[in-house]
N, C-alpha and C. Protein backbone atom coordinates (compact mmCIF):
# COMPACT_ATOMS: atom_id res chain seq x y z
N UNK A 1 -10.25 43.12 -38.82
CA UNK A 1 -9.98 41.68 -38.72
C UNK A 1 -11.90 41.41 -37.81
N UNK A 2 -11.68 39.94 -38.00
CA UNK A 2 -13.10 39.57 -37.45
C UNK A 2 -13.06 38.06 -36.81
N UNK A 3 -14.09 37.54 -36.66
CA UNK A 3 -14.05 36.17 -35.92
C UNK A 3 -14.08 35.36 -37.12
N UNK A 4 -13.34 34.12 -36.90
CA UNK A 4 -13.22 33.21 -37.88
C UNK A 4 -14.09 32.14 -37.90
N UNK A 5 -14.22 31.16 -38.66
CA UNK A 5 -14.76 30.10 -38.88
C UNK A 5 -15.33 29.04 -37.40
N UNK A 6 -14.08 29.31 -36.66
CA UNK A 6 -14.11 28.71 -35.17
C UNK A 6 -14.60 29.61 -33.92
N UNK A 7 -14.79 31.06 -34.29
CA UNK A 7 -15.35 31.82 -33.62
C UNK A 7 -14.20 32.64 -32.71
N UNK A 8 -13.12 32.30 -33.00
CA UNK A 8 -11.88 32.83 -32.54
C UNK A 8 -11.89 34.42 -32.97
N UNK A 9 -11.85 35.58 -32.15
CA UNK A 9 -12.10 36.85 -32.59
C UNK A 9 -10.23 37.55 -33.17
N UNK A 10 -10.80 38.24 -34.22
CA UNK A 10 -9.72 38.78 -34.83
C UNK A 10 -8.83 37.73 -35.32
N UNK A 11 -9.31 36.77 -36.03
CA UNK A 11 -8.50 35.81 -36.91
C UNK A 11 -9.01 35.70 -37.99
N UNK A 12 -9.82 36.49 -38.92
CA UNK A 12 -10.09 36.46 -40.06
C UNK A 12 -10.28 37.98 -40.65
N UNK A 13 -10.32 38.21 -41.78
CA UNK A 13 -10.17 39.32 -42.54
C UNK A 13 -11.69 39.74 -42.71
N UNK A 14 -12.06 41.01 -42.49
CA UNK A 14 -13.33 41.42 -42.78
C UNK A 14 -13.14 42.49 -44.06
N UNK A 15 -13.91 42.44 -45.07
CA UNK A 15 -14.08 43.45 -46.48
C UNK A 15 -15.42 43.87 -46.55
N UNK A 16 -15.21 45.40 -46.78
CA UNK A 16 -16.56 46.14 -47.00
C UNK A 16 -17.18 46.33 -48.12
N UNK A 17 -16.17 45.66 -49.36
CA UNK A 17 -17.09 45.77 -50.80
C UNK A 17 -16.79 47.15 -51.27
N UNK A 18 -15.91 47.85 -50.68
CA UNK A 18 -15.64 49.34 -51.13
C UNK A 18 -14.29 49.60 -51.81
N UNK A 19 -13.49 49.37 -50.29
CA UNK A 19 -11.78 49.88 -50.89
C UNK A 19 -11.31 48.56 -49.91
N UNK A 20 -11.57 47.75 -49.19
CA UNK A 20 -10.53 46.76 -48.63
C UNK A 20 -10.16 45.64 -49.44
N UNK A 21 -8.85 45.49 -49.21
CA UNK A 21 -7.82 44.16 -49.80
C UNK A 21 -7.12 44.04 -49.39
N UNK A 22 -6.68 42.69 -49.54
CA UNK A 22 -4.91 42.42 -49.31
C UNK A 22 -4.03 42.59 -50.35
N UNK A 23 -2.87 43.01 -51.10
CA UNK A 23 -2.25 43.11 -51.89
C UNK A 23 -1.04 41.84 -51.64
N UNK A 24 -0.90 40.80 -52.38
CA UNK A 24 -0.05 40.10 -52.03
C UNK A 24 1.20 39.97 -53.03
N UNK A 25 1.45 40.90 -53.51
CA UNK A 25 2.70 40.70 -54.68
C UNK A 25 2.31 40.26 -56.16
N UNK A 26 3.43 40.22 -56.77
CA UNK A 26 3.05 39.74 -58.32
C UNK A 26 4.00 38.17 -58.49
N UNK A 27 4.16 37.50 -57.44
CA UNK A 27 4.74 36.34 -57.81
C UNK A 27 4.24 35.62 -58.83
N UNK A 28 4.66 34.73 -59.73
CA UNK A 28 4.20 34.04 -60.68
C UNK A 28 3.70 32.60 -60.03
N UNK A 29 4.53 32.30 -59.07
CA UNK A 29 3.90 30.80 -58.46
C UNK A 29 2.42 30.76 -58.07
N UNK A 30 1.77 31.84 -58.01
CA UNK A 30 0.18 32.20 -57.54
C UNK A 30 -0.68 32.05 -58.72
N UNK A 31 -0.01 31.76 -60.04
CA UNK A 31 -0.71 31.67 -61.18
C UNK A 31 -0.64 30.53 -61.84
N UNK A 32 -1.79 30.53 -62.68
CA UNK A 32 -1.85 29.49 -63.83
C UNK A 32 -0.90 29.37 -64.95
N UNK A 33 -0.14 28.21 -65.44
CA UNK A 33 0.67 28.66 -66.41
C UNK A 33 0.38 27.35 -67.27
N UNK A 34 1.06 27.18 -68.28
CA UNK A 34 0.78 25.83 -69.59
C UNK A 34 1.51 24.68 -68.73
N UNK A 35 2.23 24.76 -67.48
CA UNK A 35 2.58 23.60 -66.96
C UNK A 35 2.39 23.46 -65.59
N UNK A 36 1.42 24.20 -65.45
CA UNK A 36 1.16 24.25 -63.70
C UNK A 36 0.11 23.19 -63.25
N UNK A 37 0.24 22.77 -61.76
CA UNK A 37 -0.76 22.36 -61.27
C UNK A 37 -1.14 22.96 -60.15
N UNK A 38 -2.13 23.36 -59.75
CA UNK A 38 -2.14 24.34 -58.77
C UNK A 38 -3.78 24.00 -57.91
N UNK A 39 -3.63 24.24 -56.45
CA UNK A 39 -5.06 24.14 -56.02
C UNK A 39 -5.08 25.54 -55.10
N UNK A 40 -6.28 25.89 -55.03
CA UNK A 40 -6.20 27.33 -54.02
C UNK A 40 -7.47 27.04 -53.16
N UNK A 41 -7.41 27.00 -51.99
CA UNK A 41 -8.36 27.11 -51.02
C UNK A 41 -8.49 28.20 -50.15
N UNK A 42 -9.84 28.32 -49.84
CA UNK A 42 -10.09 29.91 -49.17
C UNK A 42 -11.44 29.39 -48.44
N UNK A 43 -11.57 30.15 -47.34
CA UNK A 43 -12.97 30.33 -46.60
C UNK A 43 -13.67 31.53 -46.67
N UNK A 44 -14.64 31.56 -47.00
CA UNK A 44 -15.65 32.88 -47.34
C UNK A 44 -16.76 32.95 -46.57
N UNK A 45 -17.36 34.24 -45.81
CA UNK A 45 -18.26 34.58 -45.44
C UNK A 45 -19.40 35.56 -45.96
N UNK A 46 -19.88 35.24 -46.81
CA UNK A 46 -20.36 36.19 -47.80
C UNK A 46 -21.73 36.76 -47.18
N UNK A 47 -21.73 38.01 -47.22
CA UNK A 47 -23.16 38.85 -46.41
C UNK A 47 -24.20 39.19 -47.80
N UNK A 48 -25.53 39.18 -47.18
CA UNK A 48 -26.40 38.97 -48.43
C UNK A 48 -26.19 40.10 -49.65
N UNK A 49 -25.84 41.02 -49.53
CA UNK A 49 -25.50 41.83 -50.51
C UNK A 49 -23.85 41.77 -51.37
N UNK A 50 -23.32 40.58 -50.72
CA UNK A 50 -22.05 40.35 -51.56
C UNK A 50 -21.97 39.75 -52.72
N UNK A 51 -21.35 40.75 -53.52
CA UNK A 51 -20.65 40.24 -55.21
C UNK A 51 -19.56 40.62 -55.20
N UNK A 52 -18.61 39.75 -55.36
CA UNK A 52 -17.21 40.60 -55.44
C UNK A 52 -15.98 39.49 -55.69
N UNK A 53 -14.78 39.82 -55.99
CA UNK A 53 -14.04 39.32 -56.22
C UNK A 53 -13.10 38.71 -54.68
N UNK A 54 -13.16 37.45 -54.44
CA UNK A 54 -12.54 36.85 -53.51
C UNK A 54 -11.14 36.82 -53.28
N UNK A 55 -10.68 36.16 -54.62
CA UNK A 55 -8.94 36.11 -55.08
C UNK A 55 -8.77 36.40 -56.67
N UNK A 56 -7.47 37.25 -57.16
CA UNK A 56 -7.45 37.33 -58.37
C UNK A 56 -6.00 37.55 -58.56
N UNK A 57 -5.93 37.07 -59.59
CA UNK A 57 -4.19 37.70 -60.62
C UNK A 57 -4.53 37.87 -61.75
N UNK A 58 -5.37 39.16 -61.75
CA UNK A 58 -6.27 39.46 -62.93
C UNK A 58 -6.19 41.13 -63.31
N UNK A 59 -6.27 41.74 -64.35
CA UNK A 59 -6.34 43.14 -64.47
C UNK A 59 -7.52 43.41 -65.14
N UNK A 60 -8.52 43.57 -64.63
CA UNK A 60 -10.31 44.15 -65.31
C UNK A 60 -9.81 43.80 -66.66
N UNK A 61 -10.20 43.01 -67.10
CA UNK A 61 -10.79 42.23 -68.76
C UNK A 61 -9.71 42.65 -69.77
N UNK A 62 -8.01 43.05 -69.19
CA UNK A 62 -7.01 42.86 -70.04
C UNK A 62 -6.44 41.57 -70.22
N UNK A 63 -6.76 41.02 -71.02
CA UNK A 63 -6.33 39.69 -71.56
C UNK A 63 -5.22 39.42 -71.42
N UNK A 64 -4.37 40.14 -72.20
CA UNK A 64 -2.85 40.20 -72.06
C UNK A 64 -1.88 40.58 -70.47
N UNK A 65 -2.89 40.86 -69.81
CA UNK A 65 -2.38 41.08 -68.31
C UNK A 65 -2.78 40.23 -67.33
N UNK A 66 -3.62 39.44 -67.62
CA UNK A 66 -4.69 38.68 -66.50
C UNK A 66 -4.43 37.21 -66.38
N UNK A 67 -4.71 36.14 -65.53
CA UNK A 67 -4.56 35.27 -65.52
C UNK A 67 -5.73 34.53 -64.97
N UNK A 68 -6.64 34.73 -63.83
CA UNK A 68 -7.85 34.39 -63.56
C UNK A 68 -8.15 35.58 -62.33
N UNK A 69 -9.53 34.65 -61.78
CA UNK A 69 -10.08 35.42 -60.56
C UNK A 69 -11.20 34.64 -60.08
N UNK A 70 -11.47 34.49 -58.69
CA UNK A 70 -12.63 33.83 -58.43
C UNK A 70 -13.57 35.15 -57.78
N UNK A 71 -14.64 34.82 -58.09
CA UNK A 71 -15.74 35.80 -57.79
C UNK A 71 -17.04 35.02 -57.41
N UNK A 72 -17.73 35.66 -56.09
CA UNK A 72 -18.95 35.16 -55.43
C UNK A 72 -19.74 36.49 -56.08
N UNK A 73 -21.03 35.63 -56.73
CA UNK A 73 -22.06 36.67 -57.39
C UNK A 73 -23.27 35.76 -57.01
N UNK A 74 -23.93 36.63 -55.65
CA UNK A 74 -25.18 35.73 -55.18
C UNK A 74 -24.79 34.61 -54.64
N UNK A 75 -25.32 33.34 -55.30
CA UNK A 75 -25.08 32.20 -54.66
C UNK A 75 -23.94 31.48 -55.46
N UNK A 76 -23.43 31.96 -56.48
CA UNK A 76 -22.58 31.32 -57.47
C UNK A 76 -21.19 31.74 -57.13
N UNK A 77 -20.37 30.76 -57.55
CA UNK A 77 -18.68 30.74 -57.26
C UNK A 77 -18.42 31.19 -59.10
N UNK A 78 -17.75 31.97 -59.65
CA UNK A 78 -17.75 32.15 -60.70
C UNK A 78 -16.12 32.14 -61.05
N UNK A 79 -15.22 31.23 -61.67
CA UNK A 79 -13.96 31.29 -62.08
C UNK A 79 -13.70 31.82 -63.44
N UNK A 80 -12.91 32.94 -63.68
CA UNK A 80 -12.80 33.49 -65.17
C UNK A 80 -11.16 33.26 -65.25
N UNK A 81 -10.93 33.29 -66.57
CA UNK A 81 -9.62 33.09 -67.12
C UNK A 81 -9.21 34.29 -67.26
N UNK A 82 -8.63 34.66 -68.72
CA UNK A 82 -8.37 35.81 -69.11
C UNK A 82 -9.02 36.81 -69.37
N UNK A 83 -10.30 36.67 -69.18
CA UNK A 83 -11.46 37.58 -69.56
C UNK A 83 -12.42 37.31 -70.70
N UNK A 84 -12.03 35.99 -71.62
CA UNK A 84 -12.57 35.52 -72.51
C UNK A 84 -13.73 34.06 -72.29
N UNK A 85 -13.60 33.82 -70.94
CA UNK A 85 -14.46 32.62 -70.59
C UNK A 85 -14.41 32.15 -69.11
N UNK A 86 -15.48 31.52 -68.55
CA UNK A 86 -15.42 31.46 -67.21
C UNK A 86 -15.83 30.16 -66.92
N UNK A 87 -15.90 29.42 -65.65
CA UNK A 87 -16.65 28.39 -65.21
C UNK A 87 -17.48 28.79 -64.14
N UNK A 88 -18.52 28.57 -63.68
CA UNK A 88 -19.72 28.83 -63.04
C UNK A 88 -20.01 27.44 -62.13
N UNK A 89 -19.60 27.51 -60.97
CA UNK A 89 -19.88 26.02 -59.90
C UNK A 89 -21.38 25.80 -60.15
N UNK A 90 -21.70 24.68 -60.09
CA UNK A 90 -23.01 24.13 -59.73
C UNK A 90 -23.53 24.12 -58.53
N UNK A 91 -22.45 24.19 -57.42
CA UNK A 91 -23.01 24.08 -56.12
C UNK A 91 -23.29 25.46 -55.59
N UNK A 92 -23.99 25.94 -54.74
CA UNK A 92 -24.00 27.21 -54.15
C UNK A 92 -23.69 27.65 -53.06
N UNK A 93 -23.17 28.90 -52.96
CA UNK A 93 -22.48 29.50 -51.67
C UNK A 93 -23.72 30.15 -50.76
N UNK A 94 -23.50 29.75 -49.67
CA UNK A 94 -24.66 30.38 -48.92
C UNK A 94 -24.17 31.61 -47.74
N UNK A 95 -25.07 32.68 -48.08
CA UNK A 95 -24.58 33.92 -47.58
C UNK A 95 -25.02 33.69 -45.81
N UNK A 96 -24.26 34.73 -45.15
CA UNK A 96 -24.01 34.60 -43.61
C UNK A 96 -23.54 33.14 -42.92
N UNK A 97 -23.03 32.55 -43.61
CA UNK A 97 -22.23 31.46 -43.02
C UNK A 97 -21.03 31.08 -43.67
N UNK A 98 -20.22 30.31 -43.12
CA UNK A 98 -18.70 30.24 -43.41
C UNK A 98 -18.78 29.13 -44.84
N UNK A 99 -18.09 29.27 -45.68
CA UNK A 99 -18.18 28.23 -46.94
C UNK A 99 -16.57 28.17 -47.38
N UNK A 100 -16.26 26.85 -47.48
CA UNK A 100 -15.16 26.39 -47.98
C UNK A 100 -14.77 26.35 -49.38
N UNK A 101 -14.13 26.88 -50.37
CA UNK A 101 -13.97 27.19 -51.56
C UNK A 101 -12.78 26.18 -51.81
N UNK A 102 -12.42 25.28 -53.21
CA UNK A 102 -11.21 24.90 -53.56
C UNK A 102 -11.29 24.72 -54.81
N UNK A 103 -10.32 25.43 -55.63
CA UNK A 103 -10.33 25.08 -56.84
C UNK A 103 -9.16 24.56 -57.27
N UNK A 104 -9.33 23.66 -58.55
CA UNK A 104 -7.82 23.11 -58.65
C UNK A 104 -7.92 23.38 -60.20
N UNK A 105 -6.34 23.24 -60.58
CA UNK A 105 -6.30 23.54 -62.22
C UNK A 105 -5.05 22.68 -62.32
N UNK A 106 -5.61 21.87 -63.49
CA UNK A 106 -4.38 20.94 -63.84
C UNK A 106 -4.21 21.26 -65.48
N UNK A 107 -3.04 22.02 -65.95
CA UNK A 107 -2.39 22.50 -67.00
C UNK A 107 -2.32 21.22 -68.15
N UNK A 108 -2.13 20.24 -67.76
CA UNK A 108 -1.94 19.26 -68.56
C UNK A 108 -3.17 18.86 -69.69
N UNK A 109 -4.63 19.14 -68.93
CA UNK A 109 -5.48 18.78 -69.56
C UNK A 109 -6.35 20.12 -69.61
N UNK A 110 -6.19 21.20 -69.18
CA UNK A 110 -6.38 22.40 -69.16
C UNK A 110 -7.98 22.61 -68.31
N UNK A 111 -7.81 21.35 -67.18
CA UNK A 111 -9.08 21.45 -66.42
C UNK A 111 -9.41 22.45 -65.36
N UNK A 112 -10.14 23.08 -65.05
CA UNK A 112 -10.31 23.71 -63.72
C UNK A 112 -11.69 23.06 -62.89
N UNK A 113 -11.43 22.65 -61.66
CA UNK A 113 -12.80 22.14 -61.08
C UNK A 113 -12.95 22.76 -59.91
N UNK A 114 -13.94 22.99 -59.72
CA UNK A 114 -14.38 23.67 -58.14
C UNK A 114 -15.33 22.96 -57.12
N UNK A 115 -14.83 23.08 -55.67
CA UNK A 115 -15.69 22.54 -54.86
C UNK A 115 -15.78 23.51 -54.10
N UNK A 116 -17.12 23.30 -53.14
CA UNK A 116 -17.62 24.28 -52.43
C UNK A 116 -18.37 23.22 -50.82
N UNK A 117 -17.70 23.59 -49.96
CA UNK A 117 -17.76 22.74 -48.75
C UNK A 117 -17.55 21.03 -49.12
N UNK A 118 -16.65 21.09 -49.76
CA UNK A 118 -16.11 19.82 -49.85
C UNK A 118 -16.75 18.67 -51.04
N UNK A 119 -17.80 19.43 -51.66
CA UNK A 119 -18.58 18.81 -52.65
C UNK A 119 -18.25 19.34 -53.99
N UNK A 120 -17.97 18.32 -54.96
CA UNK A 120 -17.29 18.75 -56.47
C UNK A 120 -18.32 19.39 -57.07
N UNK A 121 -18.30 20.56 -57.72
CA UNK A 121 -18.95 21.10 -58.36
C UNK A 121 -18.76 21.00 -60.06
N UNK A 122 -18.89 22.08 -60.89
CA UNK A 122 -18.60 22.34 -62.08
C UNK A 122 -17.04 22.10 -62.36
N UNK A 123 -16.74 21.89 -63.75
CA UNK A 123 -15.53 21.71 -64.09
C UNK A 123 -15.38 22.35 -65.55
N UNK A 124 -14.47 22.58 -66.26
CA UNK A 124 -14.39 23.03 -67.49
C UNK A 124 -13.07 23.70 -67.96
N UNK A 125 -12.84 24.01 -68.86
CA UNK A 125 -11.53 24.64 -69.52
C UNK A 125 -11.43 26.00 -69.51
N UNK A 126 -10.38 26.76 -69.22
CA UNK A 126 -10.17 28.42 -69.08
C UNK A 126 -9.17 28.69 -70.25
N UNK A 127 -9.70 29.70 -70.74
CA UNK A 127 -8.52 30.85 -71.69
C UNK A 127 -7.92 31.18 -70.41
N UNK A 128 -6.41 31.40 -70.56
CA UNK A 128 -5.45 31.96 -69.66
C UNK A 128 -4.23 32.31 -70.43
N UNK A 129 -3.43 33.30 -70.09
CA UNK A 129 -2.10 33.49 -70.57
C UNK A 129 -1.36 32.18 -70.13
N UNK A 130 -0.41 31.68 -71.21
CA UNK A 130 0.66 30.49 -70.85
C UNK A 130 1.61 31.18 -70.14
N UNK A 131 2.07 32.51 -70.14
CA UNK A 131 2.95 33.02 -69.50
C UNK A 131 2.37 33.86 -68.50
N UNK A 132 2.91 33.78 -67.11
CA UNK A 132 2.00 34.46 -66.29
C UNK A 132 2.48 35.84 -65.86
N UNK A 133 1.61 37.00 -66.13
CA UNK A 133 2.03 38.28 -66.35
C UNK A 133 2.48 38.67 -64.80
N UNK A 134 3.35 39.83 -64.64
CA UNK A 134 3.45 40.19 -63.53
C UNK A 134 2.20 41.10 -62.90
N UNK A 135 1.23 39.91 -62.62
CA UNK A 135 0.01 40.51 -62.43
C UNK A 135 -0.35 40.53 -60.78
N UNK A 136 -0.74 41.48 -60.16
CA UNK A 136 -0.84 41.78 -58.66
C UNK A 136 -1.82 40.50 -58.25
N UNK A 137 -1.31 39.85 -57.32
CA UNK A 137 -2.23 38.61 -56.54
C UNK A 137 -3.07 39.35 -55.43
N UNK A 138 -4.37 39.19 -55.56
CA UNK A 138 -5.48 40.26 -54.50
C UNK A 138 -6.23 39.47 -54.08
N UNK A 139 -6.39 39.74 -52.67
CA UNK A 139 -7.05 39.13 -51.88
C UNK A 139 -8.61 40.14 -51.59
N UNK A 140 -9.72 39.95 -52.02
CA UNK A 140 -10.84 40.67 -51.78
C UNK A 140 -11.10 41.65 -53.10
N UNK A 141 -10.69 41.67 -54.09
CA UNK A 141 -10.64 42.69 -55.14
C UNK A 141 -9.74 42.08 -56.42
N UNK A 142 -10.37 42.70 -57.72
CA UNK A 142 -10.03 42.56 -58.94
C UNK A 142 -9.49 43.96 -59.17
N UNK A 143 -8.17 44.01 -59.53
CA UNK A 143 -7.97 45.26 -59.76
C UNK A 143 -8.13 46.07 -61.12
N UNK A 144 -8.19 47.12 -61.65
CA UNK A 144 -8.60 47.77 -62.82
C UNK A 144 -8.71 49.05 -62.66
N UNK A 145 -9.38 49.65 -63.74
CA UNK A 145 -9.96 50.90 -63.65
C UNK A 145 -11.23 51.19 -63.08
N UNK A 146 -12.02 50.00 -62.84
CA UNK A 146 -13.40 49.70 -62.20
C UNK A 146 -13.14 48.62 -61.65
N UNK A 147 -12.38 48.73 -60.10
CA UNK A 147 -11.75 47.45 -59.36
C UNK A 147 -13.30 47.16 -58.93
N UNK A 148 -13.52 45.68 -58.62
CA UNK A 148 -14.34 44.91 -57.83
C UNK A 148 -13.99 44.13 -56.71
N UNK A 149 -14.45 44.85 -55.83
CA UNK A 149 -14.10 44.59 -54.03
C UNK A 149 -15.46 43.75 -53.37
N UNK A 150 -14.81 42.72 -52.79
CA UNK A 150 -15.91 41.73 -51.94
C UNK A 150 -16.34 42.02 -50.46
N UNK A 151 -17.09 41.98 -50.58
CA UNK A 151 -18.11 42.26 -49.15
C UNK A 151 -18.22 40.89 -48.43
N UNK A 152 -17.70 40.90 -47.35
CA UNK A 152 -17.47 40.01 -46.26
C UNK A 152 -16.49 39.53 -45.74
N UNK A 153 -16.45 38.35 -45.22
CA UNK A 153 -15.10 37.82 -44.49
C UNK A 153 -14.37 36.96 -45.15
N UNK A 154 -12.93 36.76 -45.12
CA UNK A 154 -12.22 35.59 -46.19
C UNK A 154 -11.16 35.30 -44.92
N UNK A 155 -10.72 33.99 -45.13
CA UNK A 155 -10.11 33.24 -43.89
C UNK A 155 -9.16 32.23 -44.51
N UNK A 156 -7.99 31.83 -44.16
CA UNK A 156 -7.33 30.84 -44.40
C UNK A 156 -7.26 30.51 -45.72
N UNK A 157 -6.26 31.62 -46.59
CA UNK A 157 -6.01 31.14 -48.00
C UNK A 157 -5.10 30.41 -48.43
N UNK A 158 -5.07 29.60 -49.00
CA UNK A 158 -3.69 28.61 -49.27
C UNK A 158 -3.86 28.45 -50.90
N UNK A 159 -2.58 28.35 -51.09
CA UNK A 159 -2.25 27.77 -52.57
C UNK A 159 -1.23 26.82 -52.58
N UNK A 160 -1.30 25.86 -53.37
CA UNK A 160 -0.66 24.42 -53.27
C UNK A 160 -0.34 24.61 -54.72
N UNK A 161 1.11 24.12 -54.84
CA UNK A 161 1.70 23.52 -56.15
C UNK A 161 1.27 22.09 -56.53
N UNK A 162 0.21 21.81 -56.41
CA UNK A 162 -0.02 20.49 -57.05
C UNK A 162 -1.82 20.44 -56.54
N UNK A 163 -2.48 19.15 -57.47
CA UNK A 163 -3.70 19.03 -57.30
C UNK A 163 -3.90 18.37 -56.10
N UNK A 164 -5.13 19.09 -55.10
CA UNK A 164 -5.24 18.28 -53.73
C UNK A 164 -6.20 17.21 -54.43
N UNK A 165 -6.10 15.85 -53.72
CA UNK A 165 -6.73 15.13 -53.78
C UNK A 165 -8.09 15.09 -53.12
N UNK A 166 -9.50 14.48 -53.64
CA UNK A 166 -10.75 14.80 -53.24
C UNK A 166 -10.59 14.52 -51.59
N UNK A 167 -10.04 13.50 -50.82
CA UNK A 167 -10.05 13.29 -49.41
C UNK A 167 -9.24 14.34 -48.73
N UNK A 168 -8.34 15.09 -49.35
CA UNK A 168 -7.84 16.33 -48.63
C UNK A 168 -8.32 17.43 -48.65
N UNK A 169 -9.55 17.59 -49.71
CA UNK A 169 -10.45 18.68 -49.85
C UNK A 169 -11.40 18.48 -48.95
N UNK A 170 -11.98 17.19 -48.69
CA UNK A 170 -12.77 16.95 -47.69
C UNK A 170 -12.63 17.11 -46.43
N UNK A 171 -11.03 16.87 -46.14
CA UNK A 171 -10.67 17.06 -44.66
C UNK A 171 -10.47 18.73 -44.54
N UNK A 172 -10.06 19.49 -45.68
CA UNK A 172 -10.00 20.81 -45.25
C UNK A 172 -11.38 21.46 -45.28
N UNK A 173 -12.47 20.89 -45.61
CA UNK A 173 -13.64 21.45 -45.67
C UNK A 173 -14.47 21.34 -44.25
N UNK A 174 -13.89 20.05 -43.60
CA UNK A 174 -14.59 19.64 -42.15
C UNK A 174 -13.25 20.41 -41.32
N UNK A 175 -12.52 21.22 -41.29
CA UNK A 175 -11.45 21.52 -40.18
C UNK A 175 -11.24 23.02 -40.61
């Protein structure tokens, strides 16, 4: 445990980039489907050497068992579908600082949008499984034979079963 974005001690999770993660089970509500609308909000504090999975419902490039993952790779936020394509945000993640990330997914148009610190970034389509496999939802790693772990802190992970509005995203980034 570490301090959160408000400086309150023992209120956020610290990840070492080697083996720390939080497993949240295999609930399908945490994944994209061909009929879902979903928003995911999370605060991240990446360290300079941080490259790794922030959130995932994914099994290491196994398209039949995977749904999506969010990875911080240097200043980039990358959102990948079932391993066959990805969307990279046009906004940058800043190291040694708390950053607010939101992704929204609208299945009716197969559009994923990214927001960093309340500012809209890139959007695009993702290839994903239309039925959500019993794949673990993990915070801080992508599961697989060669797992990918996040280095830094993560706080206030939220999953919504709807598309957040731009004013809601701005509000969350400011609070």
